[in-house]
N, C-alpha and C. Protein backbone atom coordinates (compact mmCIF):
# COMPACT_ATOMS: atom_id res chain seq x y z
N UNK A 1 109.56 -2.02 58.35
CA UNK A 1 110.23 -1.67 57.14
C UNK A 1 110.53 -2.91 56.30
N UNK A 2 110.97 -3.95 56.94
CA UNK A 2 111.32 -5.19 56.22
C UNK A 2 110.13 -5.72 55.43
N UNK A 3 108.94 -5.64 55.97
CA UNK A 3 107.74 -6.14 55.29
C UNK A 3 107.51 -5.42 53.98
N UNK A 4 107.81 -4.15 53.93
CA UNK A 4 107.60 -3.38 52.70
C UNK A 4 108.66 -3.70 51.65
N UNK A 5 109.84 -4.15 52.09
CA UNK A 5 110.85 -4.62 51.14
C UNK A 5 110.45 -5.97 50.59
N UNK A 6 109.88 -6.80 51.45
CA UNK A 6 109.47 -8.14 51.02
C UNK A 6 108.27 -8.08 50.08
N UNK A 7 107.38 -7.13 50.33
CA UNK A 7 106.16 -6.99 49.51
C UNK A 7 105.78 -5.52 49.41
N UNK A 8 106.34 -4.82 48.41
CA UNK A 8 106.04 -3.39 48.28
C UNK A 8 104.56 -3.08 48.06
N UNK A 9 103.80 -4.07 47.65
CA UNK A 9 102.37 -3.83 47.36
C UNK A 9 101.45 -4.13 48.54
N UNK A 10 102.05 -4.47 49.69
CA UNK A 10 101.21 -4.79 50.85
C UNK A 10 100.40 -3.56 51.26
N UNK A 11 99.19 -3.80 51.65
CA UNK A 11 98.31 -2.72 52.09
C UNK A 11 98.75 -2.28 53.50
N UNK A 12 99.18 -1.03 53.66
CA UNK A 12 99.64 -0.58 54.96
C UNK A 12 98.58 -0.73 56.06
N UNK A 13 97.31 -0.71 55.69
CA UNK A 13 96.25 -0.87 56.71
C UNK A 13 96.32 -2.22 57.40
N UNK A 14 96.87 -3.24 56.70
CA UNK A 14 97.06 -4.54 57.33
C UNK A 14 97.98 -4.45 58.53
N UNK A 15 98.88 -3.49 58.48
CA UNK A 15 99.89 -3.36 59.52
C UNK A 15 99.39 -2.54 60.72
N UNK A 16 98.21 -1.95 60.62
CA UNK A 16 97.66 -1.13 61.71
C UNK A 16 96.98 -2.00 62.76
N UNK A 17 97.80 -2.73 63.50
CA UNK A 17 97.29 -3.60 64.56
C UNK A 17 98.33 -3.70 65.67
N UNK A 18 97.86 -3.97 66.86
CA UNK A 18 98.76 -4.22 67.97
C UNK A 18 98.85 -5.72 68.25
N UNK A 19 98.17 -6.52 67.43
CA UNK A 19 98.17 -7.95 67.63
C UNK A 19 99.44 -8.55 67.04
N UNK A 20 100.37 -8.91 67.90
CA UNK A 20 101.67 -9.42 67.47
C UNK A 20 101.51 -10.72 66.69
N UNK A 21 100.57 -11.57 67.08
CA UNK A 21 100.34 -12.81 66.37
C UNK A 21 99.93 -12.53 64.92
N UNK A 22 99.05 -11.58 64.71
CA UNK A 22 98.63 -11.21 63.35
C UNK A 22 99.80 -10.64 62.55
N UNK A 23 100.61 -9.81 63.18
CA UNK A 23 101.75 -9.23 62.49
C UNK A 23 102.77 -10.31 62.11
N UNK A 24 102.95 -11.29 62.98
CA UNK A 24 103.83 -12.42 62.66
C UNK A 24 103.30 -13.20 61.48
N UNK A 25 101.98 -13.41 61.44
CA UNK A 25 101.36 -14.12 60.33
C UNK A 25 101.56 -13.37 59.02
N UNK A 26 101.37 -12.08 59.03
CA UNK A 26 101.57 -11.26 57.82
C UNK A 26 103.03 -11.37 57.37
N UNK A 27 103.94 -11.27 58.30
CA UNK A 27 105.37 -11.37 57.96
C UNK A 27 105.67 -12.73 57.33
N UNK A 28 105.21 -13.80 57.94
CA UNK A 28 105.48 -15.14 57.44
C UNK A 28 104.86 -15.36 56.07
N UNK A 29 103.66 -14.84 55.85
CA UNK A 29 103.01 -14.97 54.54
C UNK A 29 103.78 -14.23 53.44
N UNK A 30 104.60 -13.29 53.85
CA UNK A 30 105.38 -12.50 52.90
C UNK A 30 106.85 -12.91 52.90
N UNK A 31 107.12 -14.11 53.38
CA UNK A 31 108.47 -14.68 53.27
C UNK A 31 109.47 -14.23 54.31
N UNK A 32 109.02 -13.61 55.37
CA UNK A 32 109.93 -13.17 56.42
C UNK A 32 109.93 -14.22 57.53
N UNK A 33 111.12 -14.69 57.86
CA UNK A 33 111.23 -15.67 58.93
C UNK A 33 111.08 -14.97 60.27
N UNK A 34 110.16 -15.46 61.05
CA UNK A 34 109.90 -14.92 62.39
C UNK A 34 110.44 -15.94 63.39
N UNK A 35 111.26 -15.49 64.35
CA UNK A 35 111.79 -16.43 65.33
C UNK A 35 110.68 -17.19 66.05
N UNK A 36 110.94 -18.47 66.25
CA UNK A 36 109.96 -19.36 66.88
C UNK A 36 109.49 -18.82 68.23
N UNK A 37 110.40 -18.30 69.03
CA UNK A 37 110.02 -17.79 70.36
C UNK A 37 109.09 -16.58 70.29
N UNK A 38 109.23 -15.78 69.25
CA UNK A 38 108.31 -14.66 69.09
C UNK A 38 106.92 -15.18 68.74
N UNK A 39 106.86 -16.14 67.85
CA UNK A 39 105.56 -16.72 67.49
C UNK A 39 104.90 -17.38 68.72
N UNK A 40 105.69 -18.14 69.46
CA UNK A 40 105.16 -18.83 70.63
C UNK A 40 104.65 -17.88 71.71
N UNK A 41 105.28 -16.71 71.79
CA UNK A 41 104.92 -15.73 72.84
C UNK A 41 104.11 -14.56 72.31
N UNK A 42 103.68 -14.62 71.06
CA UNK A 42 103.00 -13.48 70.43
C UNK A 42 101.76 -13.04 71.19
N UNK A 43 100.97 -13.97 71.64
CA UNK A 43 99.75 -13.59 72.38
C UNK A 43 100.09 -12.92 73.70
N UNK A 44 101.12 -13.43 74.37
CA UNK A 44 101.54 -12.82 75.64
C UNK A 44 102.06 -11.39 75.39
N UNK A 45 102.87 -11.20 74.33
CA UNK A 45 103.38 -9.86 74.03
C UNK A 45 102.24 -8.91 73.71
N UNK A 46 101.23 -9.39 73.00
CA UNK A 46 100.07 -8.57 72.70
C UNK A 46 99.34 -8.18 73.99
N UNK A 47 99.21 -9.14 74.90
CA UNK A 47 98.59 -8.85 76.20
C UNK A 47 99.39 -7.78 76.95
N UNK A 48 100.70 -7.87 76.90
CA UNK A 48 101.53 -6.87 77.57
C UNK A 48 101.23 -5.50 77.01
N UNK A 49 101.14 -5.40 75.69
CA UNK A 49 100.91 -4.09 75.06
C UNK A 49 99.56 -3.53 75.45
N UNK A 50 98.52 -4.35 75.37
CA UNK A 50 97.17 -3.82 75.64
C UNK A 50 96.91 -3.68 77.14
N UNK A 51 97.22 -4.69 77.91
CA UNK A 51 96.96 -4.61 79.35
C UNK A 51 97.87 -3.57 80.01
N UNK A 52 99.10 -3.47 79.52
CA UNK A 52 100.03 -2.48 80.07
C UNK A 52 99.55 -1.05 79.82
N UNK A 53 98.77 -0.87 78.80
CA UNK A 53 98.26 0.46 78.47
C UNK A 53 97.01 0.78 79.30
N UNK A 54 96.15 -0.21 79.50
CA UNK A 54 94.84 0.08 80.10
C UNK A 54 94.65 -0.52 81.50
N UNK A 55 95.42 -1.54 81.85
CA UNK A 55 95.25 -2.19 83.14
C UNK A 55 96.04 -1.50 84.23
N UNK A 56 95.37 -0.91 85.16
CA UNK A 56 96.05 -0.16 86.21
C UNK A 56 96.95 -1.04 87.09
N UNK A 57 96.58 -2.30 87.23
CA UNK A 57 97.32 -3.18 88.13
C UNK A 57 98.09 -4.25 87.36
N UNK A 58 98.33 -4.01 86.09
CA UNK A 58 99.03 -4.98 85.25
C UNK A 58 100.53 -4.90 85.50
N UNK A 59 101.17 -6.04 85.70
CA UNK A 59 102.62 -6.07 85.90
C UNK A 59 103.23 -7.19 85.04
N UNK A 60 104.47 -7.00 84.69
CA UNK A 60 105.24 -8.00 83.98
C UNK A 60 106.60 -8.08 84.65
N UNK A 61 107.10 -9.29 84.81
CA UNK A 61 108.42 -9.45 85.42
C UNK A 61 109.48 -8.83 84.52
N UNK A 62 110.39 -8.10 85.12
CA UNK A 62 111.43 -7.40 84.36
C UNK A 62 112.29 -8.36 83.57
N UNK A 63 112.57 -9.55 84.11
CA UNK A 63 113.40 -10.49 83.36
C UNK A 63 112.68 -11.01 82.11
N UNK A 64 111.36 -11.08 82.17
CA UNK A 64 110.58 -11.48 80.98
C UNK A 64 110.65 -10.41 79.90
N UNK A 65 110.57 -9.17 80.31
CA UNK A 65 110.67 -8.06 79.36
C UNK A 65 112.07 -8.01 78.77
N UNK A 66 113.08 -8.17 79.61
CA UNK A 66 114.46 -8.14 79.12
C UNK A 66 114.70 -9.26 78.10
N UNK A 67 114.17 -10.44 78.36
CA UNK A 67 114.32 -11.55 77.41
C UNK A 67 113.63 -11.21 76.09
N UNK A 68 112.45 -10.66 76.14
CA UNK A 68 111.71 -10.29 74.93
C UNK A 68 112.48 -9.22 74.15
N UNK A 69 113.05 -8.26 74.83
CA UNK A 69 113.82 -7.21 74.16
C UNK A 69 115.06 -7.80 73.49
N UNK A 70 115.77 -8.67 74.19
CA UNK A 70 116.95 -9.31 73.59
C UNK A 70 116.57 -10.11 72.35
N UNK A 71 115.47 -10.82 72.41
CA UNK A 71 114.99 -11.59 71.28
C UNK A 71 114.66 -10.68 70.09
N UNK A 72 113.97 -9.58 70.36
CA UNK A 72 113.62 -8.63 69.30
C UNK A 72 114.88 -7.99 68.71
N UNK A 73 115.82 -7.62 69.55
CA UNK A 73 117.06 -7.02 69.05
C UNK A 73 117.84 -7.99 68.18
N UNK A 74 117.89 -9.23 68.58
CA UNK A 74 118.57 -10.25 67.80
C UNK A 74 117.89 -10.43 66.44
N UNK A 75 116.58 -10.44 66.44
CA UNK A 75 115.83 -10.57 65.18
C UNK A 75 116.11 -9.38 64.26
N UNK A 76 116.13 -8.19 64.82
CA UNK A 76 116.42 -7.00 64.01
C UNK A 76 117.79 -7.12 63.36
N UNK A 77 118.77 -7.58 64.13
CA UNK A 77 120.13 -7.76 63.58
C UNK A 77 120.12 -8.80 62.46
N UNK A 78 119.38 -9.89 62.64
CA UNK A 78 119.28 -10.93 61.60
C UNK A 78 118.62 -10.38 60.33
N UNK A 79 117.65 -9.51 60.47
CA UNK A 79 116.98 -8.93 59.32
C UNK A 79 117.89 -7.99 58.53
N UNK A 80 118.88 -7.43 59.18
CA UNK A 80 119.79 -6.50 58.50
C UNK A 80 120.76 -7.22 57.56
N UNK A 81 120.94 -8.52 57.76
CA UNK A 81 121.89 -9.30 56.95
C UNK A 81 121.40 -9.44 55.55
């Protein structure tokens, strides 16, 4: 939602991706500050999304997921300001 406030003319098809790194790039190009830790871990988060969907034996440590969720929640709160 924030991306559309930053750039109402953005093509929604640009947003049709599961690649977190690409989504971070789009956000940054449109003036949205993306937390450094999200950028640094974007490829790993993308792997979680894709491998978690298709990899039968894919696992992620729960503390890693909890940290990512806390980071995302904090970012959402910052965007509301």
